C-alpha atoms as a PDB file:
ATOM      1  CA  MET A   1     -17.525  -1.315   8.269  1.00  0.00           C
ATOM      2  CA  VAL A   2     -15.020   1.305   9.471  1.00  0.00           C
ATOM      3  CA  VAL A   3     -14.764   4.472   7.429  1.00  0.00           C
ATOM      4  CA  GLN A   4     -12.979   7.757   7.875  1.00  0.00           C
ATOM      5  CA  LEU A   5     -15.100  10.860   7.037  1.00  0.00           C
ATOM      6  CA  THR A   6     -13.410  14.100   6.050  1.00  0.00           C
ATOM      7  CA  MET A   7     -15.335  17.336   5.928  1.00  0.00           C
ATOM      8  CA  ARG A   8     -14.282  20.847   4.863  1.00  0.00           C
ATOM      9  CA  PRO A   9     -16.091  24.160   5.123  1.00  0.00           C
ATOM     10  CA  THR A  10     -18.142  24.924   1.995  1.00  0.00           C
ATOM     11  CA  PRO A  11     -16.651  27.512  -0.392  1.00  0.00           C
ATOM     12  CA  GLY A  12     -17.861  30.949   0.387  1.00  0.00           C
ATOM     13  CA  GLY A  13     -19.258  29.786   3.722  1.00  0.00           C
ATOM     14  CA  PRO A  14     -18.162  31.060   7.097  1.00  0.00           C
ATOM     15  CA  ALA A  15     -14.640  29.978   8.106  1.00  0.00           C
ATOM     16  CA  SER A  16     -14.730  27.642  11.062  1.00  0.00           C
ATOM     17  CA  ASN A  17     -11.730  26.341  13.029  1.00  0.00           C
ATOM     18  CA  SER A  18     -13.803  25.468  16.058  1.00  0.00           C
ATOM     19  CA  PRO A  19     -13.773  21.932  17.399  1.00  0.00           C
ATOM     20  CA  VAL A  20     -17.392  22.579  18.415  1.00  0.00           C
ATOM     21  CA  ASP A  21     -18.585  21.874  14.843  1.00  0.00           C
ATOM     22  CA  GLY A  22     -16.793  18.491  14.968  1.00  0.00           C
ATOM     23  CA  ILE A  23     -18.628  17.668  18.205  1.00  0.00           C
ATOM     24  CA  ARG A  24     -21.945  18.835  16.793  1.00  0.00           C
ATOM     25  CA  ILE A  25     -21.534  16.613  13.744  1.00  0.00           C
ATOM     26  CA  MET A  26     -20.555  13.644  15.926  1.00  0.00           C
ATOM     27  CA  ALA A  27     -23.703  14.263  18.055  1.00  0.00           C
ATOM     28  CA  LEU A  28     -25.866  14.197  14.899  1.00  0.00           C
ATOM     29  CA  LEU A  29     -24.428  10.885  13.630  1.00  0.00           C
ATOM     30  CA  PRO A  30     -26.513   7.840  14.402  1.00  0.00           C
ATOM     31  CA  GLU A  31     -26.158   6.565  17.945  1.00  0.00           C
ATOM     32  CA  ARG A  32     -25.636   3.012  16.711  1.00  0.00           C
ATOM     33  CA  TRP A  33     -22.319   4.014  15.156  1.00  0.00           C
ATOM     34  CA  ARG A  34     -19.149   4.045  17.216  1.00  0.00           C
ATOM     35  CA  LYS A  35     -17.304   7.207  16.396  1.00  0.00           C
ATOM     36  CA  ASP A  36     -14.053   8.951  17.113  1.00  0.00           C
ATOM     37  CA  LEU A  37     -13.185  12.584  16.362  1.00  0.00           C
ATOM     38  CA  ILE A  38      -9.674  12.560  14.878  1.00  0.00           C
ATOM     39  CA  ARG A  39      -9.272  16.213  13.952  1.00  0.00           C
ATOM     40  CA  ALA A  40     -11.477  19.321  14.196  1.00  0.00           C
ATOM     41  CA  ALA A  41      -9.383  22.266  13.041  1.00  0.00           C
ATOM     42  CA  GLY A  42      -9.573  23.302   9.455  1.00  0.00           C
ATOM     43  CA  GLU A  43     -11.008  19.939   8.418  1.00  0.00           C
ATOM     44  CA  ILE A  44     -13.177  17.705  10.490  1.00  0.00           C
ATOM     45  CA  VAL A  45     -12.115  14.031  10.383  1.00  0.00           C
ATOM     46  CA  ILE A  46     -14.250  11.438  12.102  1.00  0.00           C
ATOM     47  CA  ARG A  47     -13.741   7.680  12.091  1.00  0.00           C
ATOM     48  CA  VAL A  48     -16.897   5.664  12.431  1.00  0.00           C
ATOM     49  CA  ASN A  49     -17.614   1.978  12.874  1.00  0.00           C
ATOM     50  CA  ALA A  50     -21.007   1.456  11.295  1.00  0.00           C
ATOM     51  CA  GLY A  51     -21.296  -2.260  11.621  1.00  0.00           C
ATOM     52  CA  ASP A  52     -22.732  -3.897   8.484  1.00  0.00           C
ATOM     53  CA  GLU A  53     -23.701  -0.648   6.708  1.00  0.00           C
ATOM     54  CA  THR A  54     -22.199   0.029   3.322  1.00  0.00           C
ATOM     55  CA  SER A  55     -20.043   3.070   2.601  1.00  0.00           C
ATOM     56  CA  ALA A  56     -22.769   4.340   0.253  1.00  0.00           C
ATOM     57  CA  ARG A  57     -25.333   4.246   3.098  1.00  0.00           C
ATOM     58  CA  ILE A  58     -22.910   5.879   5.536  1.00  0.00           C
ATOM     59  CA  ARG A  59     -22.169   8.625   2.995  1.00  0.00           C
ATOM     60  CA  ALA A  60     -25.883   9.186   2.370  1.00  0.00           C
ATOM     61  CA  GLU A  61     -26.566   9.535   6.119  1.00  0.00           C
ATOM     62  CA  VAL A  62     -23.701  11.978   6.542  1.00  0.00           C
ATOM     63  CA  MET A  63     -24.872  14.059   3.533  1.00  0.00           C
ATOM     64  CA  GLU A  64     -28.340  14.219   5.111  1.00  0.00           C
ATOM     65  CA  ILE A  65     -26.874  15.356   8.444  1.00  0.00           C
ATOM     66  CA  LEU A  66     -24.928  18.092   6.782  1.00  0.00           C
ATOM     67  CA  THR A  67     -28.195  19.631   5.618  1.00  0.00           C
ATOM     68  CA  ASN A  68     -28.820  20.575   9.269  1.00  0.00           C
ATOM     69  CA  PRO A  69     -28.425  24.453   9.541  1.00  0.00           C
ATOM     70  CA  GLU A  70     -26.100  24.121  12.489  1.00  0.00           C
ATOM     71  CA  VAL A  71     -23.450  22.285  10.417  1.00  0.00           C
ATOM     72  CA  GLY A  72     -24.684  23.136   6.887  1.00  0.00           C
ATOM     73  CA  HIS A  73     -21.514  25.075   6.206  1.00  0.00           C
ATOM     74  CA  TRP A  74     -19.556  21.842   6.057  1.00  0.00           C
ATOM     75  CA  GLN A  75     -19.335  19.442   3.088  1.00  0.00           C
ATOM     76  CA  LEU A  76     -18.232  15.796   2.981  1.00  0.00           C
ATOM     77  CA  VAL A  77     -15.163  15.484   0.785  1.00  0.00           C
ATOM     78  CA  ALA A  78     -14.119  11.892   1.531  1.00  0.00           C
ATOM     79  CA  CYS A  79     -15.616   8.736   2.906  1.00  0.00           C
ATOM     80  CA  GLY A  80     -12.827   6.186   2.894  1.00  0.00           C
ATOM     81  CA  LEU A  81     -12.737   2.569   3.987  1.00  0.00           C
ATOM     82  CA  VAL A  82     -10.235   2.034   6.843  1.00  0.00           C
ATOM     83  CA  ALA A  83      -8.170  -1.143   6.829  1.00  0.00           C
ATOM     84  CA  ASP A  84      -5.899  -2.199   9.677  1.00  0.00           C
ATOM     85  CA  GLY A  85      -6.428   1.227  11.343  1.00  0.00           C
ATOM     86  CA  HIS A  86      -5.133   3.205   8.347  1.00  0.00           C
ATOM     87  CA  PRO A  87      -7.091   4.775   5.505  1.00  0.00           C
ATOM     88  CA  GLU A  88      -6.734   3.034   2.166  1.00  0.00           C
ATOM     89  CA  PRO A  89      -4.945   5.125  -0.545  1.00  0.00           C
ATOM     90  CA  LYS A  90      -8.114   5.441  -2.726  1.00  0.00           C
ATOM     91  CA  GLU A  91     -10.292   7.201  -0.147  1.00  0.00           C
ATOM     92  CA  ALA A  92     -11.471  10.143  -2.251  1.00  0.00           C
ATOM     93  CA  ASP A  93     -15.226   9.695  -2.796  1.00  0.00           C
ATOM     94  CA  ARG A  94     -16.408  13.102  -3.983  1.00  0.00           C
END
């Protein structure tokens, strides 16, 4: 399954426009996933190919990763299925 993850800074948290946070989050994602950092300024957008895992399982793993203090000021705002290389219109899983 290929999904696109979109993360934003948490309200009231420190503002972060650094691509370093995107790289940190990618490093914390499971090694078995193929991943690509799409954007890392303002929002972090990462596309992952997680094989046979469901979007619910992917979302749960990302939510767990975002409890890490290094990246805890980010929140997952979308986990959308990617079809033919483009996100499907109903990607908002909040």
